[in-house]
């Protein structure tokens, strides 16, 4: 099951996302301002890591939010909406101040995206679970403060997971997680392509081998990140490859999607000669967006 953090980062992919940081006392919270051009509405979402948050803490947080007055700091830049989901086109103007204009399909006018006013809608993505009673209490208190709150935690993630089956398994060495594997996982999720990725799919206490084998059996494709780190590691990465290769033989199907990351043909041959007979893509030459576009096409055409 995907984690609540994954949904925080990938929900509302039809919106432009401005990543923010909100400092409250000695604590700092990760959040986003989301601009929905179709509804001409902007709203905010915040992520609360860890399981130690309390009803009183969430209530205090809500009380600190004042529209038009609360200081929100840009943190990590801007994520454009998914081209597949956005009902129009965008024009980015690298000026000072930074400007993004949008034009909805059928509308002759170009409008300033940042002129959209912020609504009272607030989303909390929390690793701390509150009881239904406390969530209702929190929402009632939020209403008195002028907020329209939706509280999303494990119940939300579980409900979503009932309708989402991972389509691609991402096999990688742990040293390639931050720069390659995680960006691929997030990019595919934004394309509405659920993935099995350890950081999102494994929870504390899960049986590692059973979870991995289940993911390898269920996914229609295996994205294999070929890197010097993978070739030097004979641990789980090698076992995952052997498992998916065995499934290829059993099903007489091509399941591996190789992503070449700083490796040569000779190195790939030494790892597995059969991989040279499979068309792969070069991460360094094509970049994240194009690599993920090709993965998406390969995965969805097989589904």
C-alpha atoms as a PDB file:
ATOM      1  CA  UNK A   1       0.000   0.000   0.000  1.00  0.00           C
ATOM      2  CA  UNK A   2       1.251   3.465  -0.847  1.00  0.00           C
ATOM      3  CA  UNK A   3       2.109   5.697   2.089  1.00  0.00           C
ATOM      4  CA  UNK A   4       0.367   8.895   3.086  1.00  0.00           C
ATOM      5  CA  UNK A   5       3.506  10.792   2.080  1.00  0.00           C
ATOM      6  CA  UNK A   6       3.251   9.424  -1.441  1.00  0.00           C
ATOM      7  CA  UNK A   7      -0.304  10.689  -1.704  1.00  0.00           C
ATOM      8  CA  UNK A   8       0.743  14.068  -0.300  1.00  0.00           C
ATOM      9  CA  UNK A   9       3.318  14.383  -3.078  1.00  0.00           C
ATOM     10  CA  UNK A  10       1.181  13.060  -5.938  1.00  0.00           C
ATOM     11  CA  UNK A  11      -2.448  14.036  -5.260  1.00  0.00           C
ATOM     12  CA  UNK A  12      -3.865  16.918  -7.300  1.00  0.00           C
ATOM     13  CA  UNK A  13      -1.554  16.362 -10.275  1.00  0.00           C
ATOM     14  CA  UNK A  14      -3.885  18.565 -12.349  1.00  0.00           C
ATOM     15  CA  UNK A  15      -2.760  21.525 -10.203  1.00  0.00           C
ATOM     16  CA  UNK A  16       0.382  23.620 -10.252  1.00  0.00           C
ATOM     17  CA  UNK A  17       2.200  22.871  -6.991  1.00  0.00           C
ATOM     18  CA  UNK A  18       4.290  25.457  -5.166  1.00  0.00           C
ATOM     19  CA  UNK A  19       6.342  23.718  -2.492  1.00  0.00           C
ATOM     20  CA  UNK A  20       6.454  25.608   0.779  1.00  0.00           C
ATOM     21  CA  UNK A  21       7.832  25.406   4.291  1.00  0.00           C
ATOM     22  CA  UNK A  22       5.833  26.684   7.223  1.00  0.00           C
ATOM     23  CA  UNK A  23       7.757  27.554  10.385  1.00  0.00           C
ATOM     24  CA  UNK A  24       5.727  27.390  13.565  1.00  0.00           C
ATOM     25  CA  UNK A  25       7.706  27.926  16.746  1.00  0.00           C
ATOM     26  CA  UNK A  26      10.669  25.583  16.701  1.00  0.00           C
ATOM     27  CA  UNK A  27       9.006  23.228  14.222  1.00  0.00           C
ATOM     28  CA  UNK A  28       9.032  23.362  10.430  1.00  0.00           C
ATOM     29  CA  UNK A  29       6.320  21.766   8.295  1.00  0.00           C
ATOM     30  CA  UNK A  30       6.400  20.734   4.650  1.00  0.00           C
ATOM     31  CA  UNK A  31       3.493  21.931   2.581  1.00  0.00           C
ATOM     32  CA  UNK A  32       2.241  23.038  -0.809  1.00  0.00           C
ATOM     33  CA  UNK A  33       0.041  25.705  -2.317  1.00  0.00           C
ATOM     34  CA  UNK A  34      -1.958  24.111  -5.138  1.00  0.00           C
ATOM     35  CA  UNK A  35      -3.462  26.143  -7.979  1.00  0.00           C
ATOM     36  CA  UNK A  36      -6.472  24.613  -9.754  1.00  0.00           C
ATOM     37  CA  UNK A  37      -6.913  26.638 -12.944  1.00  0.00           C
ATOM     38  CA  UNK A  38     -10.197  24.942 -13.966  1.00  0.00           C
ATOM     39  CA  UNK A  39     -11.923  25.745 -10.674  1.00  0.00           C
ATOM     40  CA  UNK A  40     -10.041  29.048 -10.384  1.00  0.00           C
ATOM     41  CA  UNK A  41      -9.190  28.135  -6.827  1.00  0.00           C
ATOM     42  CA  UNK A  42      -6.035  27.693  -4.783  1.00  0.00           C
ATOM     43  CA  UNK A  43      -5.690  25.720  -1.556  1.00  0.00           C
ATOM     44  CA  UNK A  44      -3.007  24.445   0.783  1.00  0.00           C
ATOM     45  CA  UNK A  45      -1.853  21.008   1.925  1.00  0.00           C
ATOM     46  CA  UNK A  46       0.532  20.078   4.738  1.00  0.00           C
ATOM     47  CA  UNK A  47       2.394  16.890   5.591  1.00  0.00           C
ATOM     48  CA  UNK A  48       2.848  15.757   9.204  1.00  0.00           C
ATOM     49  CA  UNK A  49       5.497  13.018   9.589  1.00  0.00           C
ATOM     50  CA  UNK A  50       5.650  10.707  12.581  1.00  0.00           C
ATOM     51  CA  UNK A  51       2.961   9.329  14.854  1.00  0.00           C
ATOM     52  CA  UNK A  52       3.330  11.664  17.848  1.00  0.00           C
ATOM     53  CA  UNK A  53       0.995  14.482  16.760  1.00  0.00           C
ATOM     54  CA  UNK A  54      -2.079  15.154  18.881  1.00  0.00           C
ATOM     55  CA  UNK A  55      -5.553  16.591  18.425  1.00  0.00           C
ATOM     56  CA  UNK A  56      -4.456  19.658  20.367  1.00  0.00           C
ATOM     57  CA  UNK A  57      -1.377  20.053  18.171  1.00  0.00           C
ATOM     58  CA  UNK A  58      -3.416  19.963  14.957  1.00  0.00           C
ATOM     59  CA  UNK A  59      -5.868  22.434  16.465  1.00  0.00           C
ATOM     60  CA  UNK A  60      -3.041  24.802  17.382  1.00  0.00           C
ATOM     61  CA  UNK A  61      -1.642  24.508  13.859  1.00  0.00           C
ATOM     62  CA  UNK A  62      -5.014  25.428  12.342  1.00  0.00           C
ATOM     63  CA  UNK A  63      -5.304  28.371  14.689  1.00  0.00           C
ATOM     64  CA  UNK A  64      -1.992  29.757  13.431  1.00  0.00           C
ATOM     65  CA  UNK A  65      -3.155  29.874   9.787  1.00  0.00           C
ATOM     66  CA  UNK A  66      -4.502  33.244   8.713  1.00  0.00           C
ATOM     67  CA  UNK A  67      -5.273  33.773   5.036  1.00  0.00           C
ATOM     68  CA  UNK A  68      -3.237  36.562   3.526  1.00  0.00           C
ATOM     69  CA  UNK A  69      -1.125  37.001   6.670  1.00  0.00           C
ATOM     70  CA  UNK A  70       0.621  33.709   7.472  1.00  0.00           C
ATOM     71  CA  UNK A  71       4.216  33.620   6.217  1.00  0.00           C
ATOM     72  CA  UNK A  72       4.893  30.689   3.896  1.00  0.00           C
ATOM     73  CA  UNK A  73       8.416  30.194   2.540  1.00  0.00           C
ATOM     74  CA  UNK A  74       9.169  28.759  -0.894  1.00  0.00           C
ATOM     75  CA  UNK A  75      10.907  25.418  -0.412  1.00  0.00           C
ATOM     76  CA  UNK A  76      11.996  23.285  -3.373  1.00  0.00           C
ATOM     77  CA  UNK A  77      10.456  25.173  -6.256  1.00  0.00           C
ATOM     78  CA  UNK A  78       7.412  24.650  -8.454  1.00  0.00           C
ATOM     79  CA  UNK A  79       5.978  21.460  -9.972  1.00  0.00           C
ATOM     80  CA  UNK A  80       3.952  21.961 -13.148  1.00  0.00           C
ATOM     81  CA  UNK A  81       0.683  20.046 -13.543  1.00  0.00           C
ATOM     82  CA  UNK A  82       0.578  16.804 -15.499  1.00  0.00           C
ATOM     83  CA  UNK A  83       0.173  17.539 -19.201  1.00  0.00           C
ATOM     84  CA  UNK A  84      -2.254  14.625 -19.372  1.00  0.00           C
ATOM     85  CA  UNK A  85      -4.500  16.098 -16.667  1.00  0.00           C
ATOM     86  CA  UNK A  86      -4.247  19.860 -17.256  1.00  0.00           C
ATOM     87  CA  UNK A  87      -7.147  21.055 -19.492  1.00  0.00           C
ATOM     88  CA  UNK A  88      -5.184  23.685 -21.363  1.00  0.00           C
ATOM     89  CA  UNK A  89      -1.688  25.051 -21.771  1.00  0.00           C
ATOM     90  CA  UNK A  90       0.804  26.963 -19.651  1.00  0.00           C
ATOM     91  CA  UNK A  91       3.307  29.691 -20.472  1.00  0.00           C
ATOM     92  CA  UNK A  92       6.179  30.248 -18.068  1.00  0.00           C
ATOM     93  CA  UNK A  93       7.747  33.716 -18.033  1.00  0.00           C
ATOM     94  CA  UNK A  94      11.154  33.823 -16.362  1.00  0.00           C
ATOM     95  CA  UNK A  95      10.723  37.368 -15.138  1.00  0.00           C
ATOM     96  CA  UNK A  96      10.994  39.109 -11.797  1.00  0.00           C
ATOM     97  CA  UNK A  97       8.566  38.401 -10.264  1.00  0.00           C
ATOM     98  CA  UNK A  98       8.147  34.929 -11.748  1.00  0.00           C
ATOM     99  CA  UNK A  99       4.954  34.620 -13.846  1.00  0.00           C
ATOM    100  CA  UNK A 100       2.980  31.606 -15.066  1.00  0.00           C
ATOM    101  CA  UNK A 101       0.053  32.185 -17.406  1.00  0.00           C
ATOM    102  CA  UNK A 102      -2.572  29.622 -18.382  1.00  0.00           C
ATOM    103  CA  UNK A 103      -5.099  29.246 -21.163  1.00  0.00           C
ATOM    104  CA  UNK A 104      -7.860  26.657 -20.821  1.00  0.00           C
ATOM    105  CA  UNK A 105      -8.964  24.819 -23.955  1.00  0.00           C
ATOM    106  CA  UNK A 106     -11.628  26.857 -25.760  1.00  0.00           C
ATOM    107  CA  UNK A 107     -10.791  30.033 -23.837  1.00  0.00           C
ATOM    108  CA  UNK A 108      -9.098  32.747 -25.949  1.00  0.00           C
ATOM    109  CA  UNK A 109      -7.690  34.546 -22.893  1.00  0.00           C
ATOM    110  CA  UNK A 110      -4.388  34.000 -21.109  1.00  0.00           C
ATOM    111  CA  UNK A 111      -4.614  34.507 -17.351  1.00  0.00           C
ATOM    112  CA  UNK A 112      -2.118  34.909 -14.512  1.00  0.00           C
ATOM    113  CA  UNK A 113      -2.149  31.674 -12.496  1.00  0.00           C
ATOM    114  CA  UNK A 114      -0.882  33.335  -9.333  1.00  0.00           C
ATOM    115  CA  UNK A 115      -3.799  35.801  -9.387  1.00  0.00           C
ATOM    116  CA  UNK A 116      -6.065  32.924  -8.311  1.00  0.00           C
ATOM    117  CA  UNK A 117      -7.168  33.542  -4.745  1.00  0.00           C
ATOM    118  CA  UNK A 118      -6.593  31.030  -1.941  1.00  0.00           C
ATOM    119  CA  UNK A 119      -9.741  29.305  -0.722  1.00  0.00           C
ATOM    120  CA  UNK A 120     -10.471  28.081   2.787  1.00  0.00           C
ATOM    121  CA  UNK A 121      -9.763  24.466   1.760  1.00  0.00           C
ATOM    122  CA  UNK A 122      -6.948  22.833   3.798  1.00  0.00           C
ATOM    123  CA  UNK A 123      -5.638  19.279   3.524  1.00  0.00           C
ATOM    124  CA  UNK A 124      -3.685  17.555   6.290  1.00  0.00           C
ATOM    125  CA  UNK A 125      -1.680  14.454   5.322  1.00  0.00           C
ATOM    126  CA  UNK A 126      -0.763  12.848   8.609  1.00  0.00           C
ATOM    127  CA  UNK A 127       1.161   9.757   9.676  1.00  0.00           C
ATOM    128  CA  UNK A 128      -0.611  10.175  13.013  1.00  0.00           C
ATOM    129  CA  UNK A 129      -4.057   8.579  13.002  1.00  0.00           C
ATOM    130  CA  UNK A 130      -6.918  10.279  14.798  1.00  0.00           C
ATOM    131  CA  UNK A 131     -10.178   8.572  15.685  1.00  0.00           C
ATOM    132  CA  UNK A 132     -13.233   9.393  13.517  1.00  0.00           C
ATOM    133  CA  UNK A 133     -14.637  11.251  16.529  1.00  0.00           C
ATOM    134  CA  UNK A 134     -11.513  13.429  16.839  1.00  0.00           C
ATOM    135  CA  UNK A 135     -11.440  14.097  13.083  1.00  0.00           C
ATOM    136  CA  UNK A 136     -15.045  15.307  13.221  1.00  0.00           C
ATOM    137  CA  UNK A 137     -14.201  17.486  16.218  1.00  0.00           C
ATOM    138  CA  UNK A 138     -11.159  18.902  14.421  1.00  0.00           C
ATOM    139  CA  UNK A 139     -13.202  19.671  11.307  1.00  0.00           C
ATOM    140  CA  UNK A 140     -15.869  21.387  13.408  1.00  0.00           C
ATOM    141  CA  UNK A 141     -13.236  23.524  15.147  1.00  0.00           C
ATOM    142  CA  UNK A 142     -11.665  24.288  11.773  1.00  0.00           C
ATOM    143  CA  UNK A 143     -15.011  25.546  10.478  1.00  0.00           C
ATOM    144  CA  UNK A 144     -15.255  28.030  13.336  1.00  0.00           C
ATOM    145  CA  UNK A 145     -11.818  29.364  12.305  1.00  0.00           C
ATOM    146  CA  UNK A 146     -12.873  29.719   8.664  1.00  0.00           C
ATOM    147  CA  UNK A 147     -11.107  26.570   7.403  1.00  0.00           C
ATOM    148  CA  UNK A 148     -12.577  23.719   5.362  1.00  0.00           C
ATOM    149  CA  UNK A 149     -10.402  20.824   6.515  1.00  0.00           C
ATOM    150  CA  UNK A 150      -9.909  17.353   5.113  1.00  0.00           C
ATOM    151  CA  UNK A 151      -7.795  15.069   7.296  1.00  0.00           C
ATOM    152  CA  UNK A 152      -5.999  12.290   5.402  1.00  0.00           C
ATOM    153  CA  UNK A 153      -4.134   9.488   7.187  1.00  0.00           C
ATOM    154  CA  UNK A 154      -3.954   5.679   6.999  1.00  0.00           C
ATOM    155  CA  UNK A 155      -7.698   5.345   6.385  1.00  0.00           C
ATOM    156  CA  UNK A 156      -7.403   7.472   3.261  1.00  0.00           C
ATOM    157  CA  UNK A 157      -4.335   5.580   2.024  1.00  0.00           C
ATOM    158  CA  UNK A 158      -6.036   2.224   2.633  1.00  0.00           C
ATOM    159  CA  UNK A 159      -9.172   3.302   0.792  1.00  0.00           C
ATOM    160  CA  UNK A 160      -7.150   4.491  -2.188  1.00  0.00           C
ATOM    161  CA  UNK A 161      -5.060   1.321  -2.264  1.00  0.00           C
ATOM    162  CA  UNK A 162      -8.148  -0.838  -2.730  1.00  0.00           C
ATOM    163  CA  UNK A 163      -8.499   0.578  -6.222  1.00  0.00           C
ATOM    164  CA  UNK A 164      -4.820   0.844  -7.170  1.00  0.00           C
ATOM    165  CA  UNK A 165      -2.737  -2.123  -8.236  1.00  0.00           C
ATOM    166  CA  UNK A 166       0.974  -1.422  -8.879  1.00  0.00           C
ATOM    167  CA  UNK A 167       1.766  -1.603 -12.567  1.00  0.00           C
ATOM    168  CA  UNK A 168       5.550  -1.344 -12.406  1.00  0.00           C
ATOM    169  CA  UNK A 169       8.084  -2.710  -9.927  1.00  0.00           C
ATOM    170  CA  UNK A 170      11.139  -0.480  -9.484  1.00  0.00           C
ATOM    171  CA  UNK A 171      14.243  -2.564  -8.823  1.00  0.00           C
ATOM    172  CA  UNK A 172      17.297  -0.577  -7.761  1.00  0.00           C
ATOM    173  CA  UNK A 173      20.311  -0.426  -5.508  1.00  0.00           C
ATOM    174  CA  UNK A 174      19.740   1.623  -2.354  1.00  0.00           C
ATOM    175  CA  UNK A 175      22.529   4.024  -3.347  1.00  0.00           C
ATOM    176  CA  UNK A 176      20.507   5.016  -6.429  1.00  0.00           C
ATOM    177  CA  UNK A 177      17.354   5.774  -4.445  1.00  0.00           C
ATOM    178  CA  UNK A 178      17.504   9.556  -4.084  1.00  0.00           C
ATOM    179  CA  UNK A 179      18.791  10.560  -7.514  1.00  0.00           C
ATOM    180  CA  UNK A 180      17.110   7.974  -9.741  1.00  0.00           C
ATOM    181  CA  UNK A 181      14.611   5.526  -8.194  1.00  0.00           C
ATOM    182  CA  UNK A 182      12.539   7.973  -6.161  1.00  0.00           C
ATOM    183  CA  UNK A 183      12.211  10.558  -8.982  1.00  0.00           C
ATOM    184  CA  UNK A 184      11.030   7.764 -11.307  1.00  0.00           C
ATOM    185  CA  UNK A 185       8.497   6.531  -8.728  1.00  0.00           C
ATOM    186  CA  UNK A 186       7.081  10.017  -8.153  1.00  0.00           C
ATOM    187  CA  UNK A 187       7.026  10.874 -11.848  1.00  0.00           C
ATOM    188  CA  UNK A 188       5.117   7.700 -12.736  1.00  0.00           C
ATOM    189  CA  UNK A 189       2.682   8.200  -9.865  1.00  0.00           C
ATOM    190  CA  UNK A 190       1.945  11.717 -11.146  1.00  0.00           C
ATOM    191  CA  UNK A 191       1.089  10.062 -14.460  1.00  0.00           C
ATOM    192  CA  UNK A 192      -1.486   7.933 -12.600  1.00  0.00           C
ATOM    193  CA  UNK A 193       0.735   4.883 -12.974  1.00  0.00           C
ATOM    194  CA  UNK A 194       0.936   3.185  -9.518  1.00  0.00           C
ATOM    195  CA  UNK A 195       4.312   1.603  -8.773  1.00  0.00           C
ATOM    196  CA  UNK A 196       5.787  -0.855  -6.299  1.00  0.00           C
ATOM    197  CA  UNK A 197       8.661   1.060  -4.746  1.00  0.00           C
ATOM    198  CA  UNK A 198      10.095   0.066  -1.373  1.00  0.00           C
ATOM    199  CA  UNK A 199       9.957   3.534   0.202  1.00  0.00           C
ATOM    200  CA  UNK A 200       6.250   3.824  -0.642  1.00  0.00           C
ATOM    201  CA  UNK A 201       5.127   0.201  -0.495  1.00  0.00           C
ATOM    202  CA  UNK A 202       6.834  -1.143   2.631  1.00  0.00           C
ATOM    203  CA  UNK A 203       5.678  -0.263   6.126  1.00  0.00           C
ATOM    204  CA  UNK A 204       7.297  -0.860   9.483  1.00  0.00           C
ATOM    205  CA  UNK A 205       6.954  -4.559  10.337  1.00  0.00           C
ATOM    206  CA  UNK A 206       6.280  -5.788   6.799  1.00  0.00           C
ATOM    207  CA  UNK A 207       7.927  -9.064   5.827  1.00  0.00           C
ATOM    208  CA  UNK A 208      10.547  -7.894   3.333  1.00  0.00           C
ATOM    209  CA  UNK A 209      10.850 -10.994   1.165  1.00  0.00           C
ATOM    210  CA  UNK A 210       7.113 -11.686   0.981  1.00  0.00           C
ATOM    211  CA  UNK A 211       6.323  -8.078   0.088  1.00  0.00           C
ATOM    212  CA  UNK A 212       8.963  -7.917  -2.630  1.00  0.00           C
ATOM    213  CA  UNK A 213       7.961 -11.243  -4.144  1.00  0.00           C
ATOM    214  CA  UNK A 214       4.309 -10.206  -4.144  1.00  0.00           C
ATOM    215  CA  UNK A 215       5.203  -6.988  -5.950  1.00  0.00           C
ATOM    216  CA  UNK A 216       7.318  -8.827  -8.509  1.00  0.00           C
ATOM    217  CA  UNK A 217       4.476 -11.264  -9.231  1.00  0.00           C
ATOM    218  CA  UNK A 218       1.729  -8.665  -9.544  1.00  0.00           C
ATOM    219  CA  UNK A 219       3.380  -5.896 -11.575  1.00  0.00           C
ATOM    220  CA  UNK A 220       3.135  -5.981 -15.344  1.00  0.00           C
ATOM    221  CA  UNK A 221       6.691  -4.644 -15.809  1.00  0.00           C
ATOM    222  CA  UNK A 222       9.918  -4.389 -13.836  1.00  0.00           C
ATOM    223  CA  UNK A 223      11.896  -1.161 -14.154  1.00  0.00           C
ATOM    224  CA  UNK A 224      15.495  -2.279 -13.635  1.00  0.00           C
ATOM    225  CA  UNK A 225      17.964   0.510 -12.851  1.00  0.00           C
ATOM    226  CA  UNK A 226      21.309  -0.649 -14.234  1.00  0.00           C
ATOM    227  CA  UNK A 227      24.108   1.184 -12.469  1.00  0.00           C
ATOM    228  CA  UNK A 228      27.622   0.527 -11.124  1.00  0.00           C
ATOM    229  CA  UNK A 229      26.026   0.341  -7.660  1.00  0.00           C
ATOM    230  CA  UNK A 230      23.682  -2.456  -8.748  1.00  0.00           C
ATOM    231  CA  UNK A 231      26.472  -4.400 -10.453  1.00  0.00           C
ATOM    232  CA  UNK A 232      28.611  -4.241  -7.304  1.00  0.00           C
ATOM    233  CA  UNK A 233      25.806  -5.546  -5.088  1.00  0.00           C
ATOM    234  CA  UNK A 234      24.856  -9.216  -5.101  1.00  0.00           C
ATOM    235  CA  UNK A 235      22.113  -8.700  -2.514  1.00  0.00           C
ATOM    236  CA  UNK A 236      18.428  -7.964  -3.034  1.00  0.00           C
ATOM    237  CA  UNK A 237      18.910  -6.276  -6.401  1.00  0.00           C
ATOM    238  CA  UNK A 238      20.362  -9.437  -7.909  1.00  0.00           C
ATOM    239  CA  UNK A 239      17.636 -11.579  -6.339  1.00  0.00           C
ATOM    240  CA  UNK A 240      14.922  -9.296  -7.715  1.00  0.00           C
ATOM    241  CA  UNK A 241      16.408  -9.558 -11.203  1.00  0.00           C
ATOM    242  CA  UNK A 242      16.637 -13.341 -10.994  1.00  0.00           C
ATOM    243  CA  UNK A 243      13.014 -13.505  -9.847  1.00  0.00           C
ATOM    244  CA  UNK A 244      11.679 -11.367 -12.691  1.00  0.00           C
ATOM    245  CA  UNK A 245      13.878 -13.223 -15.203  1.00  0.00           C
ATOM    246  CA  UNK A 246      12.360 -16.516 -14.011  1.00  0.00           C
ATOM    247  CA  UNK A 247       8.884 -15.036 -14.466  1.00  0.00           C
ATOM    248  CA  UNK A 248       9.808 -14.006 -18.008  1.00  0.00           C
ATOM    249  CA  UNK A 249      10.674 -17.618 -18.810  1.00  0.00           C
ATOM    250  CA  UNK A 250       7.484 -18.898 -17.158  1.00  0.00           C
ATOM    251  CA  UNK A 251       5.162 -16.436 -18.904  1.00  0.00           C
ATOM    252  CA  UNK A 252       7.183 -16.222 -22.142  1.00  0.00           C
ATOM    253  CA  UNK A 253       6.911 -12.429 -21.946  1.00  0.00           C
ATOM    254  CA  UNK A 254       9.243  -9.443 -21.929  1.00  0.00           C
ATOM    255  CA  UNK A 255       8.897  -7.862 -18.494  1.00  0.00           C
ATOM    256  CA  UNK A 256      12.168  -5.994 -17.832  1.00  0.00           C
ATOM    257  CA  UNK A 257      12.533  -2.318 -18.736  1.00  0.00           C
ATOM    258  CA  UNK A 258      16.262  -1.523 -18.400  1.00  0.00           C
ATOM    259  CA  UNK A 259      17.318   1.990 -17.411  1.00  0.00           C
ATOM    260  CA  UNK A 260      21.008   2.507 -18.166  1.00  0.00           C
ATOM    261  CA  UNK A 261      22.686   4.798 -15.643  1.00  0.00           C
ATOM    262  CA  UNK A 262      26.388   5.334 -16.265  1.00  0.00           C
ATOM    263  CA  UNK A 263      27.142   1.786 -17.439  1.00  0.00           C
ATOM    264  CA  UNK A 264      28.708   0.345 -20.592  1.00  0.00           C
ATOM    265  CA  UNK A 265      27.632  -2.503 -22.838  1.00  0.00           C
ATOM    266  CA  UNK A 266      30.508  -4.629 -21.538  1.00  0.00           C
ATOM    267  CA  UNK A 267      29.426  -4.070 -17.913  1.00  0.00           C
ATOM    268  CA  UNK A 268      25.830  -4.954 -18.748  1.00  0.00           C
ATOM    269  CA  UNK A 269      27.031  -8.079 -20.572  1.00  0.00           C
ATOM    270  CA  UNK A 270      29.014  -9.167 -17.522  1.00  0.00           C
ATOM    271  CA  UNK A 271      25.930  -8.722 -15.335  1.00  0.00           C
ATOM    272  CA  UNK A 272      23.519 -10.459 -17.704  1.00  0.00           C
ATOM    273  CA  UNK A 273      24.185 -11.049 -21.431  1.00  0.00           C
ATOM    274  CA  UNK A 274      20.440 -11.320 -22.129  1.00  0.00           C
ATOM    275  CA  UNK A 275      19.926  -7.655 -21.171  1.00  0.00           C
ATOM    276  CA  UNK A 276      21.813  -6.521 -24.262  1.00  0.00           C
ATOM    277  CA  UNK A 277      18.973  -7.973 -26.310  1.00  0.00           C
ATOM    278  CA  UNK A 278      16.415  -5.740 -24.577  1.00  0.00           C
ATOM    279  CA  UNK A 279      15.929  -2.125 -25.626  1.00  0.00           C
ATOM    280  CA  UNK A 280      16.737   0.153 -22.719  1.00  0.00           C
ATOM    281  CA  UNK A 281      16.886   3.905 -22.198  1.00  0.00           C
ATOM    282  CA  UNK A 282      19.825   6.028 -21.106  1.00  0.00           C
ATOM    283  CA  UNK A 283      19.055   8.074 -18.001  1.00  0.00           C
ATOM    284  CA  UNK A 284      21.933  10.536 -18.482  1.00  0.00           C
ATOM    285  CA  UNK A 285      21.244  11.150 -22.169  1.00  0.00           C
ATOM    286  CA  UNK A 286      17.448  11.482 -22.043  1.00  0.00           C
ATOM    287  CA  UNK A 287      16.725  12.834 -18.555  1.00  0.00           C
ATOM    288  CA  UNK A 288      13.948  12.061 -16.085  1.00  0.00           C
ATOM    289  CA  UNK A 289      10.915  13.288 -18.025  1.00  0.00           C
ATOM    290  CA  UNK A 290      11.671  11.430 -21.262  1.00  0.00           C
ATOM    291  CA  UNK A 291      12.743   8.237 -19.490  1.00  0.00           C
ATOM    292  CA  UNK A 292       9.554   8.235 -17.429  1.00  0.00           C
ATOM    293  CA  UNK A 293       7.448   8.987 -20.497  1.00  0.00           C
ATOM    294  CA  UNK A 294       8.852   5.903 -22.222  1.00  0.00           C
ATOM    295  CA  UNK A 295       8.379   3.776 -19.089  1.00  0.00           C
ATOM    296  CA  UNK A 296       4.781   4.968 -18.827  1.00  0.00           C
ATOM    297  CA  UNK A 297       4.055   4.069 -22.440  1.00  0.00           C
ATOM    298  CA  UNK A 298       5.628   0.634 -22.060  1.00  0.00           C
ATOM    299  CA  UNK A 299       3.765  -0.106 -18.829  1.00  0.00           C
ATOM    300  CA  UNK A 300       0.331   1.158 -19.842  1.00  0.00           C
ATOM    301  CA  UNK A 301       0.434  -0.529 -23.252  1.00  0.00           C
ATOM    302  CA  UNK A 302       1.072  -3.830 -21.465  1.00  0.00           C
ATOM    303  CA  UNK A 303      -1.705  -3.336 -18.914  1.00  0.00           C
END
